[in-house]
């Protein structure tokens, strides 16, 4: 019997889903704090990490039971659709079950990293992608090593879920340009603190120069002119040489179109 076009499309769709599921479990396997994970399709483990086949089948059954219980009891109680459920285990560990594209994703691990990994993995299965704004490298499932605690976390993290270090700005693993974890360009600005310091230093410098001008000439007009001009120059010099801090640059119209497309 020859294969029909609809049958070929179904096989290709299953292959694509299997590849996506494997991408996700490979990503989760690289993260610190994740004990195990399994992606379930029609009640059976499609891809898994941190366990063998037998345990994956048990975890798949658990995912189905938790999702079904959430739909029956919680969804009816609040009259809303439930896409994810979190069960607290012990010692800060949780089991998270979420639904994406007809698949169930179960992850067990430390609470903060599990919650963040669940969100990233679910959005990836839904088709959401994050790209470097310079080289278009896919950052969605990239990882990053926290410079403070050395743990491996998602590249998209703004804050390390283990030590709390702010890691919003990082280099693209492909082109090396500084970007945000959400794929934004970075620009540098001088902060309000730099402006306040420049104003204060300029004022002090102006007072000193004005005093010296008056001592030298005994002319108040010259003293005032020296203080104002000298203070302005000092303040401007300090402000222009003050360190600048990075901020996420707003996307251009072209970048918005590329993201929406």
Protein backbone atom coordinates (compact mmCIF):
# COMPACT_ATOMS: atom_id res chain seq x y z
CA UNK A 1 0.00 0.00 0.00
CA UNK A 2 1.45 3.38 -1.03
CA UNK A 3 1.78 6.19 1.49
CA UNK A 4 -0.72 9.04 1.09
CA UNK A 5 0.28 12.75 1.12
CA UNK A 6 -1.62 13.18 4.39
CA UNK A 7 0.31 10.26 5.87
CA UNK A 8 3.64 11.75 4.82
CA UNK A 9 2.69 15.11 6.36
CA UNK A 10 1.74 13.34 9.60
CA UNK A 11 5.08 11.50 9.70
CA UNK A 12 6.98 14.73 9.02
CA UNK A 13 5.02 16.51 11.76
CA UNK A 14 5.86 13.73 14.22
CA UNK A 15 9.53 13.96 13.23
CA UNK A 16 9.54 17.73 13.70
CA UNK A 17 7.90 17.40 17.13
CA UNK A 18 10.41 14.73 18.13
CA UNK A 19 13.31 16.99 17.14
CA UNK A 20 11.85 19.90 19.10
CA UNK A 21 11.37 17.67 22.13
CA UNK A 22 14.97 16.45 21.89
CA UNK A 23 16.22 20.05 21.61
CA UNK A 24 14.39 20.91 24.83
CA UNK A 25 15.63 17.92 26.83
CA UNK A 26 19.21 18.52 25.60
CA UNK A 27 18.90 22.10 26.86
CA UNK A 28 17.47 21.04 30.23
CA UNK A 29 20.21 18.45 30.67
CA UNK A 30 22.87 21.20 30.53
CA UNK A 31 21.32 23.31 33.29
CA UNK A 32 22.38 23.08 36.92
CA UNK A 33 19.60 22.38 39.41
CA UNK A 34 17.47 20.23 37.07
CA UNK A 35 17.14 16.64 38.30
CA UNK A 36 15.28 15.16 35.35
CA UNK A 37 12.75 16.00 32.63
CA UNK A 38 10.44 14.21 30.25
CA UNK A 39 8.28 15.35 27.34
CA UNK A 40 5.12 13.29 26.93
CA UNK A 41 3.12 12.68 23.77
CA UNK A 42 -0.14 10.75 23.96
CA UNK A 43 0.85 9.30 27.33
CA UNK A 44 4.28 8.06 26.27
CA UNK A 45 7.74 9.62 26.82
CA UNK A 46 8.85 11.31 23.60
CA UNK A 47 12.19 12.58 24.97
CA UNK A 48 13.72 12.55 28.42
CA UNK A 49 16.87 13.24 30.37
CA UNK A 50 18.24 12.27 33.80
CA UNK A 51 16.51 8.88 33.84
CA UNK A 52 16.19 5.55 32.07
CA UNK A 53 13.29 4.36 29.89
CA UNK A 54 11.40 2.68 32.72
CA UNK A 55 11.55 5.71 34.96
CA UNK A 56 10.65 7.95 32.01
CA UNK A 57 7.47 5.93 31.52
CA UNK A 58 6.64 6.35 35.21
CA UNK A 59 7.30 10.11 34.98
CA UNK A 60 5.12 10.30 31.86
CA UNK A 61 2.25 8.65 33.74
CA UNK A 62 2.75 11.12 36.61
CA UNK A 63 2.63 14.05 34.17
CA UNK A 64 -0.64 12.79 32.70
CA UNK A 65 -2.15 12.27 36.17
CA UNK A 66 -1.15 15.73 37.40
CA UNK A 67 -2.38 17.45 34.23
CA UNK A 68 -5.67 15.56 34.34
CA UNK A 69 -6.21 16.36 38.01
CA UNK A 70 -5.50 20.04 37.34
CA UNK A 71 -8.01 20.09 34.50
CA UNK A 72 -10.72 18.27 36.46
CA UNK A 73 -10.45 19.97 39.83
CA UNK A 74 -8.58 23.27 39.58
CA UNK A 75 -9.90 24.40 36.19
CA UNK A 76 -13.49 23.72 37.26
CA UNK A 77 -12.90 25.56 40.53
CA UNK A 78 -11.61 28.80 38.98
CA UNK A 79 -13.38 28.35 35.64
CA UNK A 80 -10.18 28.87 33.65
CA UNK A 81 -7.97 26.65 31.51
CA UNK A 82 -4.88 25.34 33.34
CA UNK A 83 -1.69 25.13 31.28
CA UNK A 84 0.76 24.38 34.08
CA UNK A 85 0.87 23.04 37.62
CA UNK A 86 3.69 23.06 40.19
CA UNK A 87 4.01 20.55 43.02
CA UNK A 88 6.40 21.32 45.88
CA UNK A 89 8.42 18.23 46.82
CA UNK A 90 11.03 18.98 49.52
CA UNK A 91 14.18 20.99 50.22
CA UNK A 92 13.22 23.69 47.72
CA UNK A 93 12.57 21.22 44.89
CA UNK A 94 9.44 21.20 42.74
CA UNK A 95 7.83 19.16 40.00
CA UNK A 96 6.47 21.32 37.19
CA UNK A 97 4.04 20.06 34.55
CA UNK A 98 3.07 22.26 31.61
CA UNK A 99 1.18 21.75 28.37
CA UNK A 100 2.43 23.03 24.99
CA UNK A 101 1.33 22.07 21.48
CA UNK A 102 -0.42 18.95 22.73
CA UNK A 103 2.70 17.83 24.63
CA UNK A 104 3.24 17.57 28.37
CA UNK A 105 6.52 18.76 29.83
CA UNK A 106 7.51 17.50 33.30
CA UNK A 107 10.58 18.89 35.07
CA UNK A 108 11.86 18.23 38.58
CA UNK A 109 14.51 20.46 40.10
CA UNK A 110 15.22 23.44 42.32
CA UNK A 111 12.29 25.83 42.32
CA UNK A 112 13.62 28.98 40.65
CA UNK A 113 15.59 27.29 37.87
CA UNK A 114 12.73 24.83 37.24
CA UNK A 115 10.17 27.61 36.89
CA UNK A 116 12.41 29.57 34.53
CA UNK A 117 13.37 26.50 32.48
CA UNK A 118 9.70 25.50 32.17
CA UNK A 119 8.80 28.90 30.77
CA UNK A 120 11.65 28.86 28.24
CA UNK A 121 11.04 25.26 27.16
CA UNK A 122 7.29 25.80 26.79
CA UNK A 123 7.77 28.93 24.68
CA UNK A 124 10.25 27.06 22.49
CA UNK A 125 7.75 24.27 21.86
CA UNK A 126 5.16 26.94 21.02
CA UNK A 127 7.47 28.32 18.34
CA UNK A 128 8.88 31.39 20.12
CA UNK A 129 12.51 32.21 19.25
CA UNK A 130 15.10 34.76 20.43
CA UNK A 131 17.87 35.79 18.03
CA UNK A 132 21.03 37.87 18.32
CA UNK A 133 20.27 41.28 16.76
CA UNK A 134 23.67 41.29 15.04
CA UNK A 135 24.38 37.79 13.70
CA UNK A 136 20.85 36.26 14.05
CA UNK A 137 22.20 33.35 16.09
CA UNK A 138 19.38 31.46 17.82
CA UNK A 139 19.66 32.23 21.55
CA UNK A 140 16.46 30.53 22.68
CA UNK A 141 18.06 27.44 24.19
CA UNK A 142 21.56 28.79 24.73
CA UNK A 143 23.16 28.46 28.17
CA UNK A 144 25.33 30.82 30.22
CA UNK A 145 27.71 30.34 33.15
CA UNK A 146 27.06 32.77 35.99
CA UNK A 147 30.24 34.80 36.63
CA UNK A 148 29.62 34.79 40.40
CA UNK A 149 28.59 31.25 41.35
CA UNK A 150 29.68 29.39 38.22
CA UNK A 151 26.32 27.62 37.76
CA UNK A 152 25.01 26.92 34.28
CA UNK A 153 21.78 28.85 33.67
CA UNK A 154 19.70 29.85 30.62
CA UNK A 155 21.22 32.55 28.44
CA UNK A 156 17.89 34.34 28.62
CA UNK A 157 18.10 34.78 32.40
CA UNK A 158 18.29 38.37 33.65
CA UNK A 159 19.11 37.24 37.20
CA UNK A 160 20.95 34.09 38.26
CA UNK A 161 18.32 31.84 39.93
CA UNK A 162 20.99 30.47 42.28
CA UNK A 163 22.97 33.46 43.64
CA UNK A 164 20.88 36.44 42.52
CA UNK A 165 23.62 38.03 40.40
CA UNK A 166 22.20 40.37 37.73
CA UNK A 167 23.31 38.98 34.35
CA UNK A 168 21.12 40.94 31.97
CA UNK A 169 23.98 41.89 29.65
CA UNK A 170 26.15 39.19 28.12
CA UNK A 171 28.11 38.41 24.96
CA UNK A 172 26.49 36.53 22.10
CA UNK A 173 28.09 33.04 22.00
CA UNK A 174 28.38 33.32 18.21
CA UNK A 175 29.56 36.85 17.34
CA UNK A 176 30.73 38.06 20.77
CA UNK A 177 28.75 41.32 20.70
CA UNK A 178 27.27 42.56 23.98
CA UNK A 179 23.48 42.04 24.04
CA UNK A 180 20.68 41.28 26.47
CA UNK A 181 19.46 37.77 27.10
CA UNK A 182 16.26 38.64 25.25
CA UNK A 183 18.13 39.61 22.08
CA UNK A 184 18.29 43.40 22.42
CA UNK A 185 21.18 45.62 21.42
CA UNK A 186 22.94 47.52 24.19
CA UNK A 187 23.63 51.25 24.37
CA UNK A 188 25.55 53.15 27.04
CA UNK A 189 24.31 56.17 28.96
CA UNK A 190 25.66 58.33 31.75
CA UNK A 191 23.54 58.02 34.85
CA UNK A 192 21.92 60.72 36.93
CA UNK A 193 24.52 60.02 39.61
CA UNK A 194 27.26 61.03 37.16
CA UNK A 195 25.42 64.30 36.47
CA UNK A 196 25.08 65.05 40.19
CA UNK A 197 28.78 64.40 40.81
CA UNK A 198 29.74 66.60 37.85
CA UNK A 199 27.51 69.43 39.10
CA UNK A 200 28.97 69.22 42.61
CA UNK A 201 32.58 69.09 41.42
CA UNK A 202 31.90 71.92 38.99
CA UNK A 203 30.41 74.05 41.76
CA UNK A 204 33.37 73.43 44.06
CA UNK A 205 35.83 74.14 41.24
CA UNK A 206 33.95 77.32 40.33
CA UNK A 207 34.09 78.57 43.92
CA UNK A 208 37.84 77.92 44.08
CA UNK A 209 38.55 79.61 40.73
CA UNK A 210 36.31 82.55 41.62
CA UNK A 211 38.11 83.01 44.93
CA UNK A 212 41.50 82.88 43.24
CA UNK A 213 40.32 85.37 40.62
CA UNK A 214 39.15 87.80 43.25
CA UNK A 215 42.40 87.47 45.22
CA UNK A 216 44.43 88.11 42.08
CA UNK A 217 42.43 91.05 40.70
CA UNK A 218 40.24 92.28 43.57
CA UNK A 219 37.58 92.62 40.88
CA UNK A 220 34.25 90.86 41.70
CA UNK A 221 33.16 90.77 38.04
CA UNK A 222 36.33 88.95 37.04
CA UNK A 223 35.93 86.63 40.02
CA UNK A 224 32.35 85.76 39.06
CA UNK A 225 33.28 85.22 35.42
CA UNK A 226 36.20 82.99 36.40
CA UNK A 227 34.01 80.98 38.77
CA UNK A 228 31.15 80.47 36.29
CA UNK A 229 33.35 79.69 33.31
CA UNK A 230 35.81 77.55 35.23
CA UNK A 231 33.07 75.64 37.07
CA UNK A 232 31.25 74.93 33.81
CA UNK A 233 34.41 73.60 32.15
CA UNK A 234 35.26 71.41 35.15
CA UNK A 235 31.73 70.06 35.44
CA UNK A 236 31.51 69.31 31.72
CA UNK A 237 34.90 67.60 31.72
CA UNK A 238 33.96 65.38 34.68
CA UNK A 239 30.57 64.50 33.17
CA UNK A 240 31.97 63.65 29.74
CA UNK A 241 34.58 61.37 31.29
CA UNK A 242 32.22 59.70 33.75
CA UNK A 243 31.69 55.94 33.25
CA UNK A 244 28.60 54.96 31.29
CA UNK A 245 26.23 52.12 32.15
CA UNK A 246 24.65 49.73 29.63
CA UNK A 247 20.90 49.68 28.98
CA UNK A 248 18.79 47.67 26.55
CA UNK A 249 18.31 49.61 23.34
CA UNK A 250 14.75 49.92 22.05
CA UNK A 251 14.26 47.92 18.83
CA UNK A 252 14.08 49.78 15.55
CA UNK A 253 11.11 49.53 13.18
CA UNK A 254 13.02 47.05 11.02
CA UNK A 255 13.90 44.90 14.05
CA UNK A 256 10.25 44.89 15.17
CA UNK A 257 9.19 43.72 11.72
CA UNK A 258 11.84 40.98 11.75
CA UNK A 259 10.66 39.76 15.17
CA UNK A 260 7.00 39.73 14.17
CA UNK A 261 7.81 38.02 10.89
